[in-house]
N, C-alpha and C. Protein backbone atom coordinates (compact mmCIF):
# COMPACT_ATOMS: atom_id res chain seq x y z
N MET A 1 0.66 22.96 0.01
CA MET A 1 1.52 22.02 0.69
C MET A 1 1.09 20.60 0.27
N GLU A 2 2.09 19.74 0.11
CA GLU A 2 1.75 18.38 -0.28
C GLU A 2 1.98 17.36 0.82
N VAL A 3 1.25 16.28 0.76
CA VAL A 3 1.44 15.16 1.68
C VAL A 3 2.46 14.27 1.07
N VAL A 4 3.46 13.87 1.86
CA VAL A 4 4.46 12.94 1.42
C VAL A 4 4.29 11.65 2.24
N ALA A 5 4.31 10.53 1.55
CA ALA A 5 4.12 9.27 2.26
C ALA A 5 5.13 8.22 1.78
N TYR A 6 5.62 7.43 2.70
CA TYR A 6 6.49 6.27 2.39
C TYR A 6 5.67 5.06 2.80
N THR A 7 5.63 4.08 1.92
CA THR A 7 4.80 2.87 2.20
C THR A 7 5.63 1.62 1.95
N ASP A 8 5.27 0.58 2.65
CA ASP A 8 5.89 -0.75 2.42
C ASP A 8 4.94 -1.81 2.92
N GLY A 9 5.08 -2.96 2.34
CA GLY A 9 4.29 -4.11 2.75
C GLY A 9 5.12 -5.35 2.60
N GLY A 10 4.73 -6.39 3.30
CA GLY A 10 5.43 -7.65 3.16
C GLY A 10 4.66 -8.79 3.73
N ALA A 11 5.13 -9.99 3.40
CA ALA A 11 4.56 -11.22 3.90
C ALA A 11 5.65 -12.20 4.13
N SER A 12 5.54 -12.94 5.20
CA SER A 12 6.51 -14.02 5.52
C SER A 12 5.96 -15.30 5.00
N GLY A 13 6.49 -15.73 3.87
CA GLY A 13 6.07 -16.98 3.26
C GLY A 13 5.36 -16.73 1.95
N ASN A 14 4.70 -15.63 1.81
CA ASN A 14 4.08 -15.14 0.53
C ASN A 14 3.36 -16.24 -0.23
N PRO A 15 2.20 -16.75 0.16
CA PRO A 15 1.39 -16.19 1.21
C PRO A 15 1.80 -16.65 2.61
N GLY A 16 1.46 -15.83 3.54
CA GLY A 16 1.75 -16.11 4.94
C GLY A 16 1.32 -14.90 5.78
N PRO A 17 1.74 -14.80 7.03
CA PRO A 17 1.42 -13.60 7.78
C PRO A 17 2.10 -12.41 7.15
N GLY A 18 1.38 -11.30 7.14
CA GLY A 18 1.92 -10.12 6.49
C GLY A 18 1.44 -8.87 7.12
N GLY A 19 1.98 -7.77 6.63
CA GLY A 19 1.60 -6.47 7.18
C GLY A 19 2.02 -5.33 6.26
N TYR A 20 1.52 -4.17 6.60
CA TYR A 20 1.90 -2.96 5.91
C TYR A 20 2.37 -1.90 6.88
N GLY A 21 3.16 -1.01 6.38
CA GLY A 21 3.60 0.15 7.17
C GLY A 21 3.59 1.39 6.30
N ALA A 22 3.24 2.48 6.90
CA ALA A 22 3.24 3.74 6.12
C ALA A 22 3.50 4.92 7.02
N ILE A 23 4.19 5.86 6.46
CA ILE A 23 4.46 7.14 7.20
C ILE A 23 3.93 8.29 6.34
N LEU A 24 3.04 9.07 6.93
CA LEU A 24 2.51 10.25 6.24
C LEU A 24 3.14 11.47 6.89
N MET A 25 3.54 12.43 6.04
CA MET A 25 4.14 13.68 6.51
C MET A 25 3.42 14.85 5.78
N TRP A 26 3.03 15.81 6.58
CA TRP A 26 2.38 17.02 6.06
C TRP A 26 2.84 18.16 6.89
N GLY A 27 3.69 19.00 6.32
CA GLY A 27 4.25 20.08 7.12
C GLY A 27 5.04 19.50 8.27
N LYS A 28 4.73 19.95 9.50
CA LYS A 28 5.42 19.42 10.70
C LYS A 28 4.75 18.20 11.25
N HIS A 29 3.66 17.75 10.65
CA HIS A 29 2.90 16.63 11.16
C HIS A 29 3.42 15.32 10.55
N ARG A 30 3.39 14.31 11.36
CA ARG A 30 3.85 12.99 10.94
C ARG A 30 2.93 11.95 11.59
N LYS A 31 2.52 10.95 10.79
CA LYS A 31 1.67 9.88 11.33
C LYS A 31 2.16 8.57 10.73
N GLU A 32 2.24 7.56 11.64
CA GLU A 32 2.62 6.24 11.19
C GLU A 32 1.42 5.31 11.25
N LEU A 33 1.27 4.46 10.25
CA LEU A 33 0.20 3.48 10.17
C LEU A 33 0.79 2.09 10.00
N SER A 34 0.15 1.10 10.59
CA SER A 34 0.52 -0.29 10.32
C SER A 34 -0.51 -1.25 10.83
N GLU A 35 -0.62 -2.37 10.16
CA GLU A 35 -1.55 -3.45 10.60
C GLU A 35 -0.94 -4.74 10.10
N GLY A 36 -1.23 -5.83 10.85
CA GLY A 36 -0.77 -7.17 10.44
C GLY A 36 -1.95 -8.06 10.13
N PHE A 37 -1.70 -9.05 9.28
CA PHE A 37 -2.72 -9.96 8.85
C PHE A 37 -2.23 -11.41 8.94
N ARG A 38 -3.14 -12.35 9.24
CA ARG A 38 -2.69 -13.71 9.47
C ARG A 38 -2.35 -14.46 8.18
N LEU A 39 -2.94 -14.08 7.06
CA LEU A 39 -2.67 -14.77 5.80
C LEU A 39 -2.90 -13.77 4.63
N THR A 40 -1.85 -13.47 3.92
CA THR A 40 -1.95 -12.51 2.82
C THR A 40 -0.71 -12.68 1.94
N THR A 41 -0.51 -11.74 1.00
CA THR A 41 0.64 -11.73 0.14
C THR A 41 1.35 -10.43 0.20
N ASN A 42 2.62 -10.45 -0.30
CA ASN A 42 3.42 -9.24 -0.30
C ASN A 42 2.75 -8.14 -1.17
N ASN A 43 2.31 -8.46 -2.34
CA ASN A 43 1.70 -7.47 -3.22
C ASN A 43 0.47 -6.87 -2.63
N ARG A 44 -0.33 -7.67 -1.96
CA ARG A 44 -1.55 -7.11 -1.30
C ARG A 44 -1.15 -6.11 -0.22
N MET A 45 -0.14 -6.40 0.53
CA MET A 45 0.27 -5.50 1.60
C MET A 45 0.91 -4.23 1.04
N GLU A 46 1.70 -4.36 -0.07
CA GLU A 46 2.23 -3.17 -0.67
C GLU A 46 1.11 -2.22 -1.14
N LEU A 47 0.09 -2.79 -1.78
CA LEU A 47 -1.05 -2.00 -2.24
C LEU A 47 -1.91 -1.49 -1.11
N LEU A 48 -2.12 -2.30 -0.08
CA LEU A 48 -2.91 -1.86 1.07
C LEU A 48 -2.27 -0.64 1.78
N ALA A 49 -0.93 -0.66 1.84
CA ALA A 49 -0.24 0.45 2.49
C ALA A 49 -0.59 1.77 1.79
N VAL A 50 -0.61 1.76 0.48
CA VAL A 50 -0.96 2.97 -0.29
C VAL A 50 -2.41 3.33 -0.04
N ILE A 51 -3.30 2.31 -0.10
CA ILE A 51 -4.72 2.57 0.15
C ILE A 51 -4.92 3.25 1.48
N MET A 52 -4.27 2.71 2.53
CA MET A 52 -4.45 3.26 3.89
C MET A 52 -4.00 4.71 3.96
N VAL A 53 -2.92 5.03 3.28
CA VAL A 53 -2.47 6.44 3.20
C VAL A 53 -3.58 7.31 2.65
N LEU A 54 -4.07 6.96 1.51
CA LEU A 54 -5.09 7.74 0.82
C LEU A 54 -6.39 7.82 1.63
N GLU A 55 -6.78 6.70 2.23
CA GLU A 55 -8.02 6.70 3.01
C GLU A 55 -7.93 7.46 4.32
N THR A 56 -6.67 7.67 4.79
CA THR A 56 -6.47 8.42 6.03
C THR A 56 -6.62 9.90 5.86
N LEU A 57 -6.42 10.40 4.64
CA LEU A 57 -6.48 11.81 4.37
C LEU A 57 -7.92 12.33 4.59
N LYS A 58 -8.05 13.43 5.31
CA LYS A 58 -9.29 13.97 5.74
C LYS A 58 -9.99 14.88 4.75
N ARG A 59 -9.20 15.38 3.78
CA ARG A 59 -9.70 16.29 2.77
C ARG A 59 -9.44 15.74 1.38
N ASP A 60 -10.31 16.03 0.44
CA ASP A 60 -10.14 15.62 -0.93
C ASP A 60 -9.29 16.70 -1.64
N GLY A 61 -8.76 16.31 -2.78
CA GLY A 61 -8.04 17.26 -3.65
C GLY A 61 -6.62 17.57 -3.23
N LEU A 62 -6.05 16.74 -2.38
CA LEU A 62 -4.69 17.03 -1.92
C LEU A 62 -3.65 16.55 -2.95
N SER A 63 -2.49 17.19 -2.90
CA SER A 63 -1.38 16.77 -3.69
C SER A 63 -0.61 15.76 -2.82
N VAL A 64 -0.44 14.55 -3.35
CA VAL A 64 0.20 13.48 -2.54
C VAL A 64 1.33 12.86 -3.35
N VAL A 65 2.47 12.73 -2.71
CA VAL A 65 3.62 12.03 -3.28
C VAL A 65 3.83 10.78 -2.45
N ILE A 66 3.80 9.65 -3.13
CA ILE A 66 3.98 8.35 -2.45
C ILE A 66 5.28 7.72 -2.91
N TYR A 67 6.11 7.38 -1.95
CA TYR A 67 7.35 6.67 -2.22
C TYR A 67 7.15 5.20 -1.83
N SER A 68 7.39 4.33 -2.77
CA SER A 68 7.17 2.88 -2.53
C SER A 68 8.30 2.10 -3.19
N ASP A 69 8.62 0.96 -2.63
CA ASP A 69 9.65 0.09 -3.23
C ASP A 69 8.96 -1.01 -4.03
N SER A 70 7.64 -0.90 -4.26
CA SER A 70 6.90 -1.90 -4.99
C SER A 70 6.75 -1.53 -6.45
N LYS A 71 7.45 -2.25 -7.29
CA LYS A 71 7.29 -2.10 -8.75
C LYS A 71 5.84 -2.44 -9.15
N TYR A 72 5.28 -3.42 -8.47
CA TYR A 72 3.92 -3.87 -8.75
C TYR A 72 2.97 -2.67 -8.65
N VAL A 73 3.03 -1.92 -7.58
CA VAL A 73 2.12 -0.78 -7.36
C VAL A 73 2.54 0.40 -8.22
N VAL A 74 3.77 0.81 -8.13
CA VAL A 74 4.25 2.02 -8.85
C VAL A 74 4.01 1.89 -10.35
N ASP A 75 4.43 0.76 -10.93
CA ASP A 75 4.29 0.58 -12.39
C ASP A 75 2.85 0.47 -12.77
N ALA A 76 2.02 -0.23 -12.00
CA ALA A 76 0.59 -0.39 -12.35
C ALA A 76 -0.10 0.95 -12.52
N VAL A 77 0.28 1.92 -11.66
CA VAL A 77 -0.32 3.24 -11.72
C VAL A 77 0.40 4.12 -12.73
N SER A 78 1.70 4.25 -12.58
CA SER A 78 2.46 5.17 -13.42
C SER A 78 2.43 4.81 -14.88
N LYS A 79 2.36 3.54 -15.18
CA LYS A 79 2.30 3.09 -16.58
C LYS A 79 0.90 2.91 -17.07
N GLY A 80 -0.06 3.15 -16.19
CA GLY A 80 -1.48 3.12 -16.59
C GLY A 80 -2.10 1.76 -16.67
N TRP A 81 -1.42 0.71 -16.26
CA TRP A 81 -1.98 -0.64 -16.39
C TRP A 81 -3.29 -0.76 -15.65
N VAL A 82 -3.36 -0.26 -14.44
CA VAL A 82 -4.56 -0.44 -13.61
C VAL A 82 -5.79 0.12 -14.28
N PHE A 83 -5.64 1.18 -15.04
CA PHE A 83 -6.81 1.74 -15.74
C PHE A 83 -7.30 0.82 -16.83
N ASN A 84 -6.40 0.11 -17.49
CA ASN A 84 -6.80 -0.88 -18.49
C ASN A 84 -7.43 -2.11 -17.79
N TRP A 85 -6.87 -2.49 -16.63
CA TRP A 85 -7.45 -3.59 -15.91
C TRP A 85 -8.88 -3.25 -15.52
N GLU A 86 -9.06 -2.03 -15.09
CA GLU A 86 -10.42 -1.58 -14.70
C GLU A 86 -11.38 -1.65 -15.85
N LYS A 87 -10.92 -1.22 -17.04
CA LYS A 87 -11.80 -1.26 -18.22
C LYS A 87 -12.25 -2.70 -18.55
N LYS A 88 -11.34 -3.67 -18.25
CA LYS A 88 -11.60 -5.09 -18.54
C LYS A 88 -12.15 -5.81 -17.32
N ASN A 89 -12.58 -5.02 -16.33
CA ASN A 89 -13.15 -5.56 -15.06
C ASN A 89 -12.19 -6.52 -14.38
N TYR A 90 -10.89 -6.19 -14.46
CA TYR A 90 -9.82 -6.93 -13.76
C TYR A 90 -9.76 -8.40 -14.18
N LYS A 91 -10.18 -8.71 -15.36
CA LYS A 91 -10.16 -10.07 -15.86
C LYS A 91 -8.76 -10.68 -15.75
N ASP A 92 -8.69 -11.77 -15.04
CA ASP A 92 -7.42 -12.51 -14.87
C ASP A 92 -6.38 -11.74 -14.10
N LYS A 93 -6.74 -10.74 -13.37
CA LYS A 93 -5.80 -9.95 -12.54
C LYS A 93 -5.99 -10.29 -11.07
N LYS A 94 -4.88 -10.25 -10.38
CA LYS A 94 -4.95 -10.50 -8.92
C LYS A 94 -5.33 -9.24 -8.19
N ASN A 95 -5.92 -9.41 -7.03
CA ASN A 95 -6.22 -8.33 -6.08
C ASN A 95 -7.24 -7.30 -6.62
N PRO A 96 -8.25 -7.76 -7.34
CA PRO A 96 -9.22 -6.74 -7.85
C PRO A 96 -9.91 -5.97 -6.73
N ASP A 97 -10.13 -6.63 -5.58
CA ASP A 97 -10.83 -5.94 -4.48
C ASP A 97 -10.03 -4.76 -4.02
N LEU A 98 -8.69 -4.90 -3.92
CA LEU A 98 -7.87 -3.80 -3.48
C LEU A 98 -7.65 -2.75 -4.58
N TRP A 99 -7.52 -3.19 -5.84
CA TRP A 99 -7.35 -2.19 -6.90
C TRP A 99 -8.63 -1.33 -7.00
N LYS A 100 -9.81 -1.91 -6.88
CA LYS A 100 -11.05 -1.11 -6.91
C LYS A 100 -11.03 -0.08 -5.77
N ARG A 101 -10.72 -0.55 -4.61
CA ARG A 101 -10.66 0.30 -3.42
C ARG A 101 -9.63 1.43 -3.62
N PHE A 102 -8.46 1.05 -4.16
CA PHE A 102 -7.41 2.04 -4.44
C PHE A 102 -7.92 3.18 -5.37
N LEU A 103 -8.55 2.78 -6.45
CA LEU A 103 -8.97 3.78 -7.43
C LEU A 103 -9.99 4.76 -6.88
N ILE A 104 -10.82 4.35 -5.96
CA ILE A 104 -11.79 5.24 -5.32
C ILE A 104 -11.03 6.37 -4.64
N SER A 105 -10.06 6.05 -3.80
CA SER A 105 -9.29 7.02 -3.06
C SER A 105 -8.31 7.76 -3.92
N TYR A 106 -7.72 7.09 -4.90
CA TYR A 106 -6.77 7.70 -5.80
C TYR A 106 -7.40 8.86 -6.57
N ARG A 107 -8.62 8.64 -7.01
CA ARG A 107 -9.26 9.67 -7.82
C ARG A 107 -9.72 10.89 -7.02
N LYS A 108 -9.61 10.87 -5.73
CA LYS A 108 -9.95 11.99 -4.88
C LYS A 108 -8.79 12.98 -4.74
N HIS A 109 -7.62 12.59 -5.16
CA HIS A 109 -6.43 13.37 -4.96
C HIS A 109 -5.54 13.47 -6.21
N ASN A 110 -4.57 14.29 -6.16
CA ASN A 110 -3.54 14.41 -7.20
C ASN A 110 -2.35 13.61 -6.68
N VAL A 111 -2.20 12.38 -7.10
CA VAL A 111 -1.22 11.47 -6.58
C VAL A 111 -0.09 11.21 -7.58
N ARG A 112 1.14 11.31 -7.05
CA ARG A 112 2.34 10.96 -7.83
C ARG A 112 3.06 9.85 -7.08
N PHE A 113 3.64 8.93 -7.87
CA PHE A 113 4.37 7.85 -7.27
C PHE A 113 5.84 7.97 -7.65
N ASN A 114 6.68 7.63 -6.69
CA ASN A 114 8.15 7.56 -6.89
C ASN A 114 8.58 6.18 -6.37
N TRP A 115 9.33 5.48 -7.20
CA TRP A 115 9.86 4.19 -6.81
C TRP A 115 11.17 4.40 -6.07
N VAL A 116 11.37 3.72 -4.93
CA VAL A 116 12.64 3.76 -4.24
C VAL A 116 13.09 2.31 -4.10
N LYS A 117 14.38 2.12 -4.16
CA LYS A 117 14.94 0.78 -3.99
C LYS A 117 14.79 0.34 -2.54
N GLY A 118 14.19 -0.79 -2.33
CA GLY A 118 14.01 -1.29 -0.97
C GLY A 118 15.30 -1.79 -0.37
N HIS A 119 15.41 -1.68 0.96
CA HIS A 119 16.58 -2.11 1.72
C HIS A 119 17.88 -1.54 1.21
N ALA A 120 17.79 -0.28 0.79
CA ALA A 120 18.99 0.40 0.25
C ALA A 120 19.42 1.58 1.10
N GLY A 121 18.90 1.64 2.31
CA GLY A 121 19.37 2.66 3.20
C GLY A 121 18.55 3.95 3.29
N ASP A 122 17.47 4.03 2.54
CA ASP A 122 16.59 5.21 2.64
C ASP A 122 15.89 5.15 4.02
N PRO A 123 16.14 6.07 4.91
CA PRO A 123 15.64 5.98 6.28
C PRO A 123 14.10 5.86 6.37
N MET A 124 13.40 6.56 5.53
CA MET A 124 11.95 6.50 5.58
C MET A 124 11.41 5.15 5.05
N ASN A 125 12.04 4.67 3.97
CA ASN A 125 11.64 3.33 3.46
C ASN A 125 11.96 2.28 4.47
N GLU A 126 13.10 2.40 5.15
CA GLU A 126 13.44 1.43 6.15
C GLU A 126 12.47 1.43 7.30
N ARG A 127 12.00 2.64 7.69
CA ARG A 127 11.04 2.75 8.77
C ARG A 127 9.70 2.15 8.39
N ALA A 128 9.25 2.38 7.15
CA ALA A 128 8.00 1.77 6.66
C ALA A 128 8.13 0.25 6.70
N ASP A 129 9.30 -0.28 6.31
CA ASP A 129 9.52 -1.72 6.37
C ASP A 129 9.45 -2.20 7.82
N GLU A 130 10.07 -1.50 8.73
CA GLU A 130 10.03 -1.88 10.18
C GLU A 130 8.58 -1.95 10.68
N LEU A 131 7.80 -0.96 10.27
CA LEU A 131 6.39 -0.94 10.69
C LEU A 131 5.64 -2.16 10.14
N ALA A 132 5.88 -2.47 8.87
CA ALA A 132 5.21 -3.61 8.23
C ALA A 132 5.56 -4.93 8.89
N VAL A 133 6.87 -5.13 9.10
CA VAL A 133 7.35 -6.41 9.68
C VAL A 133 6.91 -6.53 11.11
N SER A 134 7.01 -5.47 11.92
CA SER A 134 6.57 -5.60 13.31
C SER A 134 5.09 -5.84 13.40
N ALA A 135 4.32 -5.28 12.44
CA ALA A 135 2.87 -5.46 12.46
C ALA A 135 2.46 -6.92 12.39
N TYR A 136 3.18 -7.72 11.54
CA TYR A 136 2.82 -9.12 11.47
C TYR A 136 3.58 -10.02 12.43
N GLN A 137 4.68 -9.52 12.98
CA GLN A 137 5.41 -10.30 13.95
C GLN A 137 4.83 -10.16 15.36
N ILE A 138 4.36 -8.97 15.65
CA ILE A 138 3.85 -8.66 17.01
C ILE A 138 2.34 -8.81 17.07
N GLY A 139 1.66 -8.47 15.96
CA GLY A 139 0.18 -8.57 15.98
C GLY A 139 -0.45 -7.38 16.66
N PRO A 140 -1.70 -7.46 16.89
CA PRO A 140 -2.65 -8.54 16.56
C PRO A 140 -2.80 -8.73 15.06
N LEU A 141 -3.12 -9.95 14.68
CA LEU A 141 -3.27 -10.25 13.25
C LEU A 141 -4.73 -10.27 12.83
N LEU A 142 -5.04 -9.46 11.88
CA LEU A 142 -6.40 -9.39 11.31
C LEU A 142 -6.60 -10.37 10.20
N VAL A 143 -7.79 -10.51 9.73
CA VAL A 143 -8.10 -11.37 8.60
C VAL A 143 -8.15 -10.56 7.35
N ASP A 144 -7.34 -10.89 6.39
CA ASP A 144 -7.40 -10.27 5.02
C ASP A 144 -8.52 -11.01 4.29
N GLU A 145 -9.73 -10.53 4.47
CA GLU A 145 -10.90 -11.21 3.94
C GLU A 145 -10.86 -11.34 2.44
N GLY A 146 -10.32 -10.32 1.74
CA GLY A 146 -10.23 -10.38 0.29
C GLY A 146 -9.32 -11.53 -0.20
N TYR A 147 -8.25 -11.76 0.58
CA TYR A 147 -7.35 -12.88 0.21
C TYR A 147 -7.89 -14.21 0.66
N GLU A 148 -8.33 -14.29 1.89
CA GLU A 148 -8.75 -15.61 2.41
C GLU A 148 -10.00 -16.09 1.72
N ALA A 149 -10.82 -15.25 1.20
CA ALA A 149 -12.01 -15.66 0.47
C ALA A 149 -11.63 -16.44 -0.81
N ILE A 150 -10.54 -15.99 -1.52
CA ILE A 150 -10.18 -16.67 -2.73
C ILE A 150 -9.18 -17.81 -2.49
N ALA A 151 -8.54 -17.79 -1.32
CA ALA A 151 -7.52 -18.83 -1.03
C ALA A 151 -8.15 -20.15 -0.62
N LYS A 152 -9.46 -20.12 -0.27
CA LYS A 152 -10.12 -21.33 0.18
C LYS A 152 -10.38 -22.32 -0.94
């Protein structure tokens, strides 16, 4: 059986307050995740949503299918860019803290990515978006330390 996840992230102002939302489904089980941050970027939240899905899994070696509307995340992995960035120690790349964290969890599983068009009526993508937006609109807002450390 495989884990299916829908993820989304966003920021109001980019940078600005932001959040991620994710829905994990495994058999009859379903779990929703979300958090909001006081200052971050859209791409960081898109990537953090995927990281949180992978870090939530309690067993290694699972088959995971992730649906995301982020070309940034889907292409970086599917086209192998992130592995080249890693070899070059993320020189001149944004979000190395999150990409490093992603790769640790990614390598524990068999992960496939599927890109979905955002705001196009896919109910699960729309729900992930709702979770992300409400996370930063309602709060509480956490500190994205990786972003705020470089933004100073």
